[in-house]
Amino acid sequence: MKKPLVAIWTMTYNHCNYIKKCLDGIVQQKTNFKFVALIHDDCSIDGTIEIIREYANKYPQIIKPIYEAENQYKKHDGSLDIIKRNALVDIDAKYIAMCEGDDYWTDPYKLQKQVSFLEAHPDYAMCYTRVKQYKQCISKYINDFGGPLETFDDILQNNTIPTLSVLMRFDVYMSYLKEIKPECKGWSMGDYPVWLYFSAMSKIKFIPDTTGTYRILPNSLSHCEEKIKMINFGLCYREIAHYFSLTYSNKQMQKITKNNLDWILFIKYCFINECDNAKKVARDALFSKQNSYLKNILFLIGIFSPTIVKRIYSWH
């Protein structure tokens, strides 16, 4: 059989209320090439598996399910990264697309548009689009998200790339896995370092079409209501940016991301006090002559919380 040109990777867990829209958006793609969808279910217990089986039986040439006997995410040992890599290597498609089980594509020509662009522009390794954001708790579309940033330095400061909108070259993605080894980094987000690597190693293109819907759930990692988890998420974001700036950017950009990292660590220690390294970095940053901006921030914090300021000055 002819090898698929595109492999779609879909992660799902307890998405029985959403997975049908996700799978419908995949099977309704109109293309002049073959594509397959690897649907990885991480041991759902709510009926998601039964829905995947239904679609796999109806669309056996497209839907290729992967079922887990135990939840892999809870292991926190890189298992999910290894499973994803091995599955994509087996398919050996030229391009990779992604769509989580609670998101969905709305443009039936999404893949065709993106493949056509990348086939015509071999100097580009990735492209992405806009999506609509849907807030599940109020059952309402709130705004559009995506673009127009395309350069490494811009993405280093602001991530405007919706994961479900991306199409990327498989060979560059494999280089990312080999060079960066994300399974060893302990990062809580898997997409942002990919975007940084691609923008550092090649060109990326923003296509100003709206091709899907990103569903915002109350307890998702990037939209968690717990302040500690949100601060940790922001910290991870800046740690990733700092890592890539040290490797791929100029000294001015390194300084910008270092200041951002100092600030996140500073806030983390002030309000969480759970990270040993945070205290050292925050203290050094606060009392460094080069970081007077943190002293200004400290003054503002002092207006609202004198107790925190008193504790901070006891560091010195």
C-alpha atoms as a PDB file:
ATOM      1  CA  MET A   1       0.000   0.000   0.000  1.00  0.00           C
ATOM      2  CA  LYS A   2       1.060   3.569  -0.638  1.00  0.00           C
ATOM      3  CA  LYS A   3       2.734   5.158   2.384  1.00  0.00           C
ATOM      4  CA  PRO A   4       0.702   7.978   4.027  1.00  0.00           C
ATOM      5  CA  LEU A   5       2.022  11.473   3.479  1.00  0.00           C
ATOM      6  CA  VAL A   6       0.651  12.758   6.809  1.00  0.00           C
ATOM      7  CA  ALA A   7       0.446  11.104  10.215  1.00  0.00           C
ATOM      8  CA  ILE A   8      -1.935  12.721  12.729  1.00  0.00           C
ATOM      9  CA  TRP A   9      -1.183  12.246  16.419  1.00  0.00           C
ATOM     10  CA  THR A  10      -4.150  12.449  18.812  1.00  0.00           C
ATOM     11  CA  MET A  11      -3.841  12.052  22.575  1.00  0.00           C
ATOM     12  CA  THR A  12      -7.039  11.346  24.460  1.00  0.00           C
ATOM     13  CA  TYR A  13      -8.061  10.553  28.015  1.00  0.00           C
ATOM     14  CA  ASN A  14     -11.653  10.550  29.308  1.00  0.00           C
ATOM     15  CA  HIS A  15     -12.845  12.642  26.369  1.00  0.00           C
ATOM     16  CA  CYS A  16     -16.106  10.814  25.701  1.00  0.00           C
ATOM     17  CA  ASN A  17     -18.003  14.124  25.505  1.00  0.00           C
ATOM     18  CA  TYR A  18     -15.594  15.571  22.941  1.00  0.00           C
ATOM     19  CA  ILE A  19     -13.840  12.821  20.981  1.00  0.00           C
ATOM     20  CA  LYS A  20     -16.522  12.449  18.288  1.00  0.00           C
ATOM     21  CA  LYS A  21     -15.994  16.030  17.104  1.00  0.00           C
ATOM     22  CA  CYS A  22     -12.257  15.443  17.059  1.00  0.00           C
ATOM     23  CA  LEU A  23     -12.553  12.268  14.983  1.00  0.00           C
ATOM     24  CA  ASP A  24     -15.153  13.823  12.662  1.00  0.00           C
ATOM     25  CA  GLY A  25     -12.772  16.695  11.940  1.00  0.00           C
ATOM     26  CA  ILE A  26     -10.077  14.168  11.013  1.00  0.00           C
ATOM     27  CA  VAL A  27     -12.049  11.771   8.801  1.00  0.00           C
ATOM     28  CA  GLN A  28     -13.714  14.668   6.958  1.00  0.00           C
ATOM     29  CA  GLN A  29     -10.392  15.986   5.645  1.00  0.00           C
ATOM     30  CA  LYS A  30     -10.391  16.271   1.853  1.00  0.00           C
ATOM     31  CA  THR A  31      -6.954  15.582   0.397  1.00  0.00           C
ATOM     32  CA  ASN A  32      -5.247  14.290  -2.734  1.00  0.00           C
ATOM     33  CA  PHE A  33      -2.890  12.220  -0.563  1.00  0.00           C
ATOM     34  CA  LYS A  34      -3.177   9.448   1.999  1.00  0.00           C
ATOM     35  CA  PHE A  35      -3.180  10.230   5.721  1.00  0.00           C
ATOM     36  CA  VAL A  36      -3.649   8.209   8.903  1.00  0.00           C
ATOM     37  CA  ALA A  37      -4.599   9.184  12.453  1.00  0.00           C
ATOM     38  CA  LEU A  38      -2.887   7.546  15.424  1.00  0.00           C
ATOM     39  CA  ILE A  39      -5.408   7.807  18.262  1.00  0.00           C
ATOM     40  CA  HIS A  40      -3.629   7.163  21.550  1.00  0.00           C
ATOM     41  CA  ASP A  41      -6.030   6.512  24.429  1.00  0.00           C
ATOM     42  CA  ASP A  42      -4.340   6.667  27.826  1.00  0.00           C
ATOM     43  CA  CYS A  43      -6.564   4.129  29.599  1.00  0.00           C
ATOM     44  CA  SER A  44      -9.844   6.080  29.592  1.00  0.00           C
ATOM     45  CA  ILE A  45     -12.634   4.843  31.860  1.00  0.00           C
ATOM     46  CA  ASP A  46     -15.561   6.958  30.632  1.00  0.00           C
ATOM     47  CA  GLY A  47     -16.532   5.393  27.295  1.00  0.00           C
ATOM     48  CA  THR A  48     -13.940   7.127  25.110  1.00  0.00           C
ATOM     49  CA  ILE A  49     -12.490   3.771  24.028  1.00  0.00           C
ATOM     50  CA  GLU A  50     -15.829   2.531  22.721  1.00  0.00           C
ATOM     51  CA  ILE A  51     -16.192   5.631  20.541  1.00  0.00           C
ATOM     52  CA  ILE A  52     -12.666   5.208  19.151  1.00  0.00           C
ATOM     53  CA  ARG A  53     -13.418   1.558  18.317  1.00  0.00           C
ATOM     54  CA  GLU A  54     -16.571   2.624  16.500  1.00  0.00           C
ATOM     55  CA  TYR A  55     -14.626   5.044  14.286  1.00  0.00           C
ATOM     56  CA  ALA A  56     -11.758   2.590  13.780  1.00  0.00           C
ATOM     57  CA  ASN A  57     -14.239   0.016  12.472  1.00  0.00           C
ATOM     58  CA  LYS A  58     -15.932   2.561  10.221  1.00  0.00           C
ATOM     59  CA  TYR A  59     -12.727   4.185   8.911  1.00  0.00           C
ATOM     60  CA  PRO A  60     -10.045   1.460   9.155  1.00  0.00           C
ATOM     61  CA  GLN A  61      -7.815   3.108   6.533  1.00  0.00           C
ATOM     62  CA  ILE A  62      -7.631   6.320   8.566  1.00  0.00           C
ATOM     63  CA  ILE A  63      -8.145   5.632  12.280  1.00  0.00           C
ATOM     64  CA  LYS A  64      -5.346   3.600  13.872  1.00  0.00           C
ATOM     65  CA  PRO A  65      -6.021   3.255  17.619  1.00  0.00           C
ATOM     66  CA  ILE A  66      -3.436   2.705  20.336  1.00  0.00           C
ATOM     67  CA  TYR A  67      -4.914   1.515  23.644  1.00  0.00           C
ATOM     68  CA  GLU A  68      -3.056   1.545  26.949  1.00  0.00           C
ATOM     69  CA  ALA A  69      -3.621  -1.034  29.691  1.00  0.00           C
ATOM     70  CA  GLU A  70      -2.467   1.480  32.311  1.00  0.00           C
ATOM     71  CA  ASN A  71      -2.276   5.257  32.379  1.00  0.00           C
ATOM     72  CA  GLN A  72       1.087   6.429  31.017  1.00  0.00           C
ATOM     73  CA  TYR A  73       0.801  10.109  31.912  1.00  0.00           C
ATOM     74  CA  LYS A  74       0.832   9.366  35.655  1.00  0.00           C
ATOM     75  CA  LYS A  75       4.230   7.701  35.364  1.00  0.00           C
ATOM     76  CA  HIS A  76       6.006  11.007  34.607  1.00  0.00           C
ATOM     77  CA  ASP A  77       8.940   9.047  33.184  1.00  0.00           C
ATOM     78  CA  GLY A  78       8.857  10.021  29.512  1.00  0.00           C
ATOM     79  CA  SER A  79       6.717   7.017  28.529  1.00  0.00           C
ATOM     80  CA  LEU A  80       4.328   9.125  26.459  1.00  0.00           C
ATOM     81  CA  ASP A  81       7.177  10.692  24.470  1.00  0.00           C
ATOM     82  CA  ILE A  82       8.621   7.250  23.707  1.00  0.00           C
ATOM     83  CA  ILE A  83       5.239   5.816  22.660  1.00  0.00           C
ATOM     84  CA  LYS A  84       4.608   8.791  20.379  1.00  0.00           C
ATOM     85  CA  ARG A  85       8.066   8.609  18.791  1.00  0.00           C
ATOM     86  CA  ASN A  86       7.857   4.865  18.129  1.00  0.00           C
ATOM     87  CA  ALA A  87       4.369   5.094  16.644  1.00  0.00           C
ATOM     88  CA  LEU A  88       5.376   7.924  14.291  1.00  0.00           C
ATOM     89  CA  VAL A  89       8.557   6.117  13.264  1.00  0.00           C
ATOM     90  CA  ASP A  90       6.493   3.051  12.323  1.00  0.00           C
ATOM     91  CA  ILE A  91       4.252   5.160  10.070  1.00  0.00           C
ATOM     92  CA  ASP A  92       7.215   7.095   8.586  1.00  0.00           C
ATOM     93  CA  ALA A  93       5.069   9.826   7.057  1.00  0.00           C
ATOM     94  CA  LYS A  94       6.628  12.956   5.604  1.00  0.00           C
ATOM     95  CA  TYR A  95       4.528  15.285   7.749  1.00  0.00           C
ATOM     96  CA  ILE A  96       3.026  15.266  11.255  1.00  0.00           C
ATOM     97  CA  ALA A  97      -0.157  16.971  12.439  1.00  0.00           C
ATOM     98  CA  MET A  98      -1.616  16.973  15.956  1.00  0.00           C
ATOM     99  CA  CYS A  99      -5.069  17.347  17.467  1.00  0.00           C
ATOM    100  CA  GLU A 100      -5.855  16.529  21.089  1.00  0.00           C
ATOM    101  CA  GLY A 101      -9.003  14.529  21.810  1.00  0.00           C
ATOM    102  CA  ASP A 102     -10.912  17.519  23.189  1.00  0.00           C
ATOM    103  CA  ASP A 103     -10.059  19.816  20.243  1.00  0.00           C
ATOM    104  CA  TYR A 104     -11.282  19.530  16.651  1.00  0.00           C
ATOM    105  CA  TRP A 105     -10.687  20.718  13.095  1.00  0.00           C
ATOM    106  CA  THR A 106     -13.404  22.707  11.351  1.00  0.00           C
ATOM    107  CA  ASP A 107     -11.800  23.248   7.942  1.00  0.00           C
ATOM    108  CA  PRO A 108     -12.017  20.088   5.759  1.00  0.00           C
ATOM    109  CA  TYR A 109      -9.121  21.423   3.650  1.00  0.00           C
ATOM    110  CA  LYS A 110      -6.822  22.107   6.618  1.00  0.00           C
ATOM    111  CA  LEU A 111      -4.292  19.380   5.783  1.00  0.00           C
ATOM    112  CA  GLN A 112      -4.439  19.961   2.032  1.00  0.00           C
ATOM    113  CA  LYS A 113      -3.681  23.686   2.359  1.00  0.00           C
ATOM    114  CA  GLN A 114      -0.738  23.069   4.638  1.00  0.00           C
ATOM    115  CA  VAL A 115       0.753  20.186   2.678  1.00  0.00           C
ATOM    116  CA  SER A 116       0.456  22.198  -0.535  1.00  0.00           C
ATOM    117  CA  PHE A 117       2.382  25.057   1.054  1.00  0.00           C
ATOM    118  CA  LEU A 118       5.174  22.902   2.496  1.00  0.00           C
ATOM    119  CA  GLU A 119       5.529  20.885  -0.704  1.00  0.00           C
ATOM    120  CA  ALA A 120       5.975  24.135  -2.643  1.00  0.00           C
ATOM    121  CA  HIS A 121       8.367  25.658  -0.076  1.00  0.00           C
ATOM    122  CA  PRO A 122      11.038  23.133   0.973  1.00  0.00           C
ATOM    123  CA  ASP A 123      12.855  25.825   2.998  1.00  0.00           C
ATOM    124  CA  TYR A 124       9.925  25.851   5.442  1.00  0.00           C
ATOM    125  CA  ALA A 125       9.629  23.022   7.984  1.00  0.00           C
ATOM    126  CA  MET A 126       6.389  23.982   9.728  1.00  0.00           C
ATOM    127  CA  CYS A 127       3.201  25.975   9.235  1.00  0.00           C
ATOM    128  CA  TYR A 128       0.269  26.835  11.466  1.00  0.00           C
ATOM    129  CA  THR A 129      -3.059  28.691  11.434  1.00  0.00           C
ATOM    130  CA  ARG A 130      -5.587  30.455  13.614  1.00  0.00           C
ATOM    131  CA  VAL A 131      -8.162  28.600  15.708  1.00  0.00           C
ATOM    132  CA  LYS A 132     -11.221  29.607  17.681  1.00  0.00           C
ATOM    133  CA  GLN A 133     -11.150  29.273  21.461  1.00  0.00           C
ATOM    134  CA  TYR A 134     -14.196  27.693  23.086  1.00  0.00           C
ATOM    135  CA  LYS A 135     -14.648  28.001  26.850  1.00  0.00           C
ATOM    136  CA  GLN A 136     -16.400  24.837  27.948  1.00  0.00           C
ATOM    137  CA  CYS A 137     -17.649  26.084  31.344  1.00  0.00           C
ATOM    138  CA  ILE A 138     -19.740  28.824  29.716  1.00  0.00           C
ATOM    139  CA  SER A 139     -20.356  26.993  26.407  1.00  0.00           C
ATOM    140  CA  LYS A 140     -19.179  29.992  24.429  1.00  0.00           C
ATOM    141  CA  TYR A 141     -16.566  30.983  21.850  1.00  0.00           C
ATOM    142  CA  ILE A 142     -14.432  33.706  23.423  1.00  0.00           C
ATOM    143  CA  ASN A 143     -11.838  34.751  20.820  1.00  0.00           C
ATOM    144  CA  ASP A 144      -9.458  33.650  18.088  1.00  0.00           C
ATOM    145  CA  PHE A 145      -5.916  32.484  18.794  1.00  0.00           C
ATOM    146  CA  GLY A 146      -2.900  32.032  16.557  1.00  0.00           C
ATOM    147  CA  GLY A 147      -0.253  34.018  14.743  1.00  0.00           C
ATOM    148  CA  PRO A 148       1.261  35.944  13.236  1.00  0.00           C
ATOM    149  CA  LEU A 149       4.708  35.309  14.766  1.00  0.00           C
ATOM    150  CA  GLU A 150       7.156  33.348  12.612  1.00  0.00           C
ATOM    151  CA  THR A 151      10.704  34.032  13.849  1.00  0.00           C
ATOM    152  CA  PHE A 152      12.645  32.355  16.642  1.00  0.00           C
ATOM    153  CA  ASP A 153      13.161  35.594  18.604  1.00  0.00           C
ATOM    154  CA  ASP A 154       9.452  36.437  18.446  1.00  0.00           C
ATOM    155  CA  ILE A 155       8.286  32.970  19.527  1.00  0.00           C
ATOM    156  CA  LEU A 156      10.896  33.029  22.285  1.00  0.00           C
ATOM    157  CA  GLN A 157       8.959  35.896  23.855  1.00  0.00           C
ATOM    158  CA  ASN A 158       5.411  34.848  23.037  1.00  0.00           C
ATOM    159  CA  ASN A 159       3.881  31.519  22.011  1.00  0.00           C
ATOM    160  CA  THR A 160       1.144  32.197  19.443  1.00  0.00           C
ATOM    161  CA  ILE A 161       1.043  28.709  17.917  1.00  0.00           C
ATOM    162  CA  PRO A 162      -2.033  26.520  18.553  1.00  0.00           C
ATOM    163  CA  THR A 163      -0.945  22.885  18.647  1.00  0.00           C
ATOM    164  CA  LEU A 164      -3.979  21.604  16.747  1.00  0.00           C
ATOM    165  CA  SER A 165      -3.208  23.952  13.856  1.00  0.00           C
ATOM    166  CA  VAL A 166       0.355  22.778  13.161  1.00  0.00           C
ATOM    167  CA  LEU A 167       1.771  20.705  10.309  1.00  0.00           C
ATOM    168  CA  MET A 168       5.498  19.923  10.460  1.00  0.00           C
ATOM    169  CA  ARG A 169       8.141  17.896   8.690  1.00  0.00           C
ATOM    170  CA  PHE A 170       8.795  14.516  10.262  1.00  0.00           C
ATOM    171  CA  ASP A 171      12.558  14.521   9.683  1.00  0.00           C
ATOM    172  CA  VAL A 172      13.016  17.833  11.519  1.00  0.00           C
ATOM    173  CA  TYR A 173      10.858  16.554  14.368  1.00  0.00           C
ATOM    174  CA  MET A 174      13.057  13.474  14.662  1.00  0.00           C
ATOM    175  CA  SER A 175      16.121  15.738  14.782  1.00  0.00           C
ATOM    176  CA  TYR A 176      14.447  17.625  17.627  1.00  0.00           C
ATOM    177  CA  LEU A 177      13.922  14.407  19.598  1.00  0.00           C
ATOM    178  CA  LYS A 178      17.508  13.300  19.008  1.00  0.00           C
ATOM    179  CA  GLU A 179      19.152  16.636  19.783  1.00  0.00           C
ATOM    180  CA  ILE A 180      16.979  18.032  22.599  1.00  0.00           C
ATOM    181  CA  LYS A 181      15.903  14.745  24.263  1.00  0.00           C
ATOM    182  CA  PRO A 182      12.709  16.259  25.759  1.00  0.00           C
ATOM    183  CA  GLU A 183      11.890  13.065  27.670  1.00  0.00           C
ATOM    184  CA  CYS A 184      14.892  13.820  29.894  1.00  0.00           C
ATOM    185  CA  LYS A 185      14.064  17.471  30.576  1.00  0.00           C
ATOM    186  CA  GLY A 186      11.004  17.113  32.816  1.00  0.00           C
ATOM    187  CA  TRP A 187       9.177  19.920  31.000  1.00  0.00           C
ATOM    188  CA  SER A 188       5.442  20.031  31.690  1.00  0.00           C
ATOM    189  CA  MET A 189       4.644  21.241  28.173  1.00  0.00           C
ATOM    190  CA  GLY A 190       5.552  19.307  25.058  1.00  0.00           C
ATOM    191  CA  ASP A 191       4.680  21.682  22.228  1.00  0.00           C
ATOM    192  CA  TYR A 192       6.462  24.972  22.989  1.00  0.00           C
ATOM    193  CA  PRO A 193      10.011  23.530  22.799  1.00  0.00           C
ATOM    194  CA  VAL A 194       9.100  21.980  19.441  1.00  0.00           C
ATOM    195  CA  TRP A 195       8.051  25.364  18.042  1.00  0.00           C
ATOM    196  CA  LEU A 196      11.276  26.955  19.282  1.00  0.00           C
ATOM    197  CA  TYR A 197      13.415  24.238  17.754  1.00  0.00           C
ATOM    198  CA  PHE A 198      11.651  24.439  14.386  1.00  0.00           C
ATOM    199  CA  SER A 199      11.870  28.232  14.271  1.00  0.00           C
ATOM    200  CA  ALA A 200      15.572  28.063  15.178  1.00  0.00           C
ATOM    201  CA  MET A 201      16.435  25.411  12.595  1.00  0.00           C
ATOM    202  CA  SER A 202      14.226  26.501   9.672  1.00  0.00           C
ATOM    203  CA  LYS A 203      11.484  28.819   8.515  1.00  0.00           C
ATOM    204  CA  ILE A 204       7.923  28.520   9.777  1.00  0.00           C
ATOM    205  CA  LYS A 205       4.824  29.987   8.142  1.00  0.00           C
ATOM    206  CA  PHE A 206       1.643  31.439   9.612  1.00  0.00           C
ATOM    207  CA  ILE A 207      -1.368  30.858   7.348  1.00  0.00           C
ATOM    208  CA  PRO A 208      -4.139  33.322   8.362  1.00  0.00           C
ATOM    209  CA  ASP A 209      -7.024  30.840   8.057  1.00  0.00           C
ATOM    210  CA  THR A 210      -9.149  29.548  10.927  1.00  0.00           C
ATOM    211  CA  THR A 211      -9.008  25.757  10.779  1.00  0.00           C
ATOM    212  CA  GLY A 212     -10.138  24.425  14.157  1.00  0.00           C
ATOM    213  CA  THR A 213     -11.439  24.904  17.679  1.00  0.00           C
ATOM    214  CA  TYR A 214      -9.344  24.818  20.834  1.00  0.00           C
ATOM    215  CA  ARG A 215     -11.479  23.786  23.771  1.00  0.00           C
ATOM    216  CA  ILE A 216     -10.609  25.388  27.130  1.00  0.00           C
ATOM    217  CA  LEU A 217     -11.419  23.022  29.971  1.00  0.00           C
ATOM    218  CA  PRO A 218     -11.431  24.165  33.631  1.00  0.00           C
ATOM    219  CA  ASN A 219      -8.653  21.851  34.853  1.00  0.00           C
ATOM    220  CA  SER A 220      -6.387  21.617  31.841  1.00  0.00           C
ATOM    221  CA  LEU A 221      -2.663  22.113  32.481  1.00  0.00           C
ATOM    222  CA  SER A 222      -2.485  25.513  30.795  1.00  0.00           C
ATOM    223  CA  HIS A 223      -5.782  26.805  32.222  1.00  0.00           C
ATOM    224  CA  CYS A 224      -5.731  25.410  35.738  1.00  0.00           C
ATOM    225  CA  GLU A 225      -7.557  27.386  38.437  1.00  0.00           C
ATOM    226  CA  GLU A 226      -4.987  26.449  41.114  1.00  0.00           C
ATOM    227  CA  LYS A 227      -2.522  29.338  41.448  1.00  0.00           C
ATOM    228  CA  ILE A 228       0.441  27.145  42.335  1.00  0.00           C
ATOM    229  CA  LYS A 229      -0.004  24.980  39.244  1.00  0.00           C
ATOM    230  CA  MET A 230      -0.397  28.044  37.033  1.00  0.00           C
ATOM    231  CA  ILE A 231       2.785  29.613  38.435  1.00  0.00           C
ATOM    232  CA  ASN A 232       4.636  26.333  37.892  1.00  0.00           C
ATOM    233  CA  PHE A 233       3.326  26.252  34.320  1.00  0.00           C
ATOM    234  CA  GLY A 234       4.571  29.800  33.750  1.00  0.00           C
ATOM    235  CA  LEU A 235       7.917  28.896  35.289  1.00  0.00           C
ATOM    236  CA  CYS A 236       8.294  25.924  32.950  1.00  0.00           C
ATOM    237  CA  TYR A 237       7.435  28.154  29.987  1.00  0.00           C
ATOM    238  CA  ARG A 238      10.225  30.579  30.870  1.00  0.00           C
ATOM    239  CA  GLU A 239      12.719  27.834  31.683  1.00  0.00           C
ATOM    240  CA  ILE A 240      12.158  26.408  28.194  1.00  0.00           C
ATOM    241  CA  ALA A 241      12.604  29.845  26.630  1.00  0.00           C
ATOM    242  CA  HIS A 242      15.811  30.397  28.578  1.00  0.00           C
ATOM    243  CA  TYR A 243      17.176  26.979  27.567  1.00  0.00           C
ATOM    244  CA  PHE A 244      16.614  27.665  23.869  1.00  0.00           C
ATOM    245  CA  SER A 245      17.872  31.242  24.061  1.00  0.00           C
ATOM    246  CA  LEU A 246      21.170  30.049  25.502  1.00  0.00           C
ATOM    247  CA  THR A 247      21.526  27.564  22.662  1.00  0.00           C
ATOM    248  CA  TYR A 248      20.241  29.437  19.625  1.00  0.00           C
ATOM    249  CA  SER A 249      19.877  33.192  20.201  1.00  0.00           C
ATOM    250  CA  ASN A 250      22.100  36.259  20.468  1.00  0.00           C
ATOM    251  CA  LYS A 251      23.303  37.785  23.734  1.00  0.00           C
ATOM    252  CA  GLN A 252      20.599  40.457  23.832  1.00  0.00           C
ATOM    253  CA  MET A 253      17.838  37.863  23.604  1.00  0.00           C
ATOM    254  CA  GLN A 254      19.611  35.734  26.217  1.00  0.00           C
ATOM    255  CA  LYS A 255      19.502  38.703  28.577  1.00  0.00           C
ATOM    256  CA  ILE A 256      15.769  39.199  27.982  1.00  0.00           C
ATOM    257  CA  THR A 257      14.893  35.570  28.689  1.00  0.00           C
ATOM    258  CA  LYS A 258      17.241  35.496  31.705  1.00  0.00           C
ATOM    259  CA  ASN A 259      15.405  38.499  33.172  1.00  0.00           C
ATOM    260  CA  ASN A 260      12.085  36.757  32.546  1.00  0.00           C
ATOM    261  CA  LEU A 261      13.353  33.600  34.243  1.00  0.00           C
ATOM    262  CA  ASP A 262      14.602  35.606  37.234  1.00  0.00           C
ATOM    263  CA  TRP A 263      11.215  37.238  37.544  1.00  0.00           C
ATOM    264  CA  ILE A 264       9.279  33.968  37.449  1.00  0.00           C
ATOM    265  CA  LEU A 265      11.587  32.390  40.026  1.00  0.00           C
ATOM    266  CA  PHE A 266      11.276  35.503  42.159  1.00  0.00           C
ATOM    267  CA  ILE A 267       7.471  35.314  42.155  1.00  0.00           C
ATOM    268  CA  LYS A 268       7.594  31.549  42.687  1.00  0.00           C
ATOM    269  CA  TYR A 269       9.621  31.891  45.857  1.00  0.00           C
ATOM    270  CA  CYS A 270       7.613  34.837  47.177  1.00  0.00           C
ATOM    271  CA  PHE A 271       4.264  33.100  46.896  1.00  0.00           C
ATOM    272  CA  ILE A 272       5.029  29.375  46.952  1.00  0.00           C
ATOM    273  CA  ASN A 273       8.358  28.952  48.783  1.00  0.00           C
ATOM    274  CA  GLU A 274       8.830  25.370  47.570  1.00  0.00           C
ATOM    275  CA  CYS A 275      11.875  25.535  45.305  1.00  0.00           C
ATOM    276  CA  ASP A 276      15.412  25.754  46.762  1.00  0.00           C
ATOM    277  CA  ASN A 277      16.904  27.063  43.534  1.00  0.00           C
ATOM    278  CA  ALA A 278      14.239  29.764  43.282  1.00  0.00           C
ATOM    279  CA  LYS A 279      15.433  31.482  46.462  1.00  0.00           C
ATOM    280  CA  LYS A 280      19.051  31.691  45.304  1.00  0.00           C
ATOM    281  CA  VAL A 281      18.198  32.976  41.813  1.00  0.00           C
ATOM    282  CA  ALA A 282      15.611  35.416  43.148  1.00  0.00           C
ATOM    283  CA  ARG A 283      17.984  36.740  45.834  1.00  0.00           C
ATOM    284  CA  ASP A 284      20.871  37.159  43.389  1.00  0.00           C
ATOM    285  CA  ALA A 285      18.594  38.863  40.890  1.00  0.00           C
ATOM    286  CA  LEU A 286      17.067  41.179  43.471  1.00  0.00           C
ATOM    287  CA  PHE A 287      20.369  42.436  44.869  1.00  0.00           C
ATOM    288  CA  SER A 288      22.208  42.574  41.561  1.00  0.00           C
ATOM    289  CA  LYS A 289      22.964  46.085  40.290  1.00  0.00           C
ATOM    290  CA  GLN A 290      21.953  44.936  36.815  1.00  0.00           C
ATOM    291  CA  ASN A 291      18.428  43.991  37.901  1.00  0.00           C
ATOM    292  CA  SER A 292      17.006  47.220  39.280  1.00  0.00           C
ATOM    293  CA  TYR A 293      13.672  46.420  37.615  1.00  0.00           C
ATOM    294  CA  LEU A 294      13.072  43.728  40.245  1.00  0.00           C
ATOM    295  CA  LYS A 295      13.508  46.335  42.980  1.00  0.00           C
ATOM    296  CA  ASN A 296      10.786  48.401  41.346  1.00  0.00           C
ATOM    297  CA  ILE A 297       8.545  45.349  41.245  1.00  0.00           C
ATOM    298  CA  LEU A 298       9.366  44.702  44.892  1.00  0.00           C
ATOM    299  CA  PHE A 299       8.222  48.218  45.764  1.00  0.00           C
ATOM    300  CA  LEU A 300       4.859  47.568  44.105  1.00  0.00           C
ATOM    301  CA  ILE A 301       4.494  44.230  45.884  1.00  0.00           C
ATOM    302  CA  GLY A 302       5.252  45.990  49.170  1.00  0.00           C
ATOM    303  CA  ILE A 303       2.246  48.247  48.763  1.00  0.00           C
ATOM    304  CA  PHE A 304      -0.045  45.221  48.836  1.00  0.00           C
ATOM    305  CA  SER A 305       1.940  42.800  50.991  1.00  0.00           C
ATOM    306  CA  PRO A 306       4.495  44.295  53.419  1.00  0.00           C
ATOM    307  CA  THR A 307       4.984  40.877  55.063  1.00  0.00           C
ATOM    308  CA  ILE A 308       6.356  39.379  51.865  1.00  0.00           C
ATOM    309  CA  VAL A 309       8.729  42.297  51.373  1.00  0.00           C
ATOM    310  CA  LYS A 310      10.024  41.978  54.923  1.00  0.00           C
ATOM    311  CA  ARG A 311      10.756  38.289  54.355  1.00  0.00           C
ATOM    312  CA  ILE A 312      12.509  38.991  51.061  1.00  0.00           C
ATOM    313  CA  TYR A 313      14.858  41.565  52.559  1.00  0.00           C
ATOM    314  CA  SER A 314      15.822  39.038  55.209  1.00  0.00           C
ATOM    315  CA  TRP A 315      17.516  37.037  52.417  1.00  0.00           C
ATOM    316  CA  HIS A 316      20.321  39.568  52.061  1.00  0.00           C
END
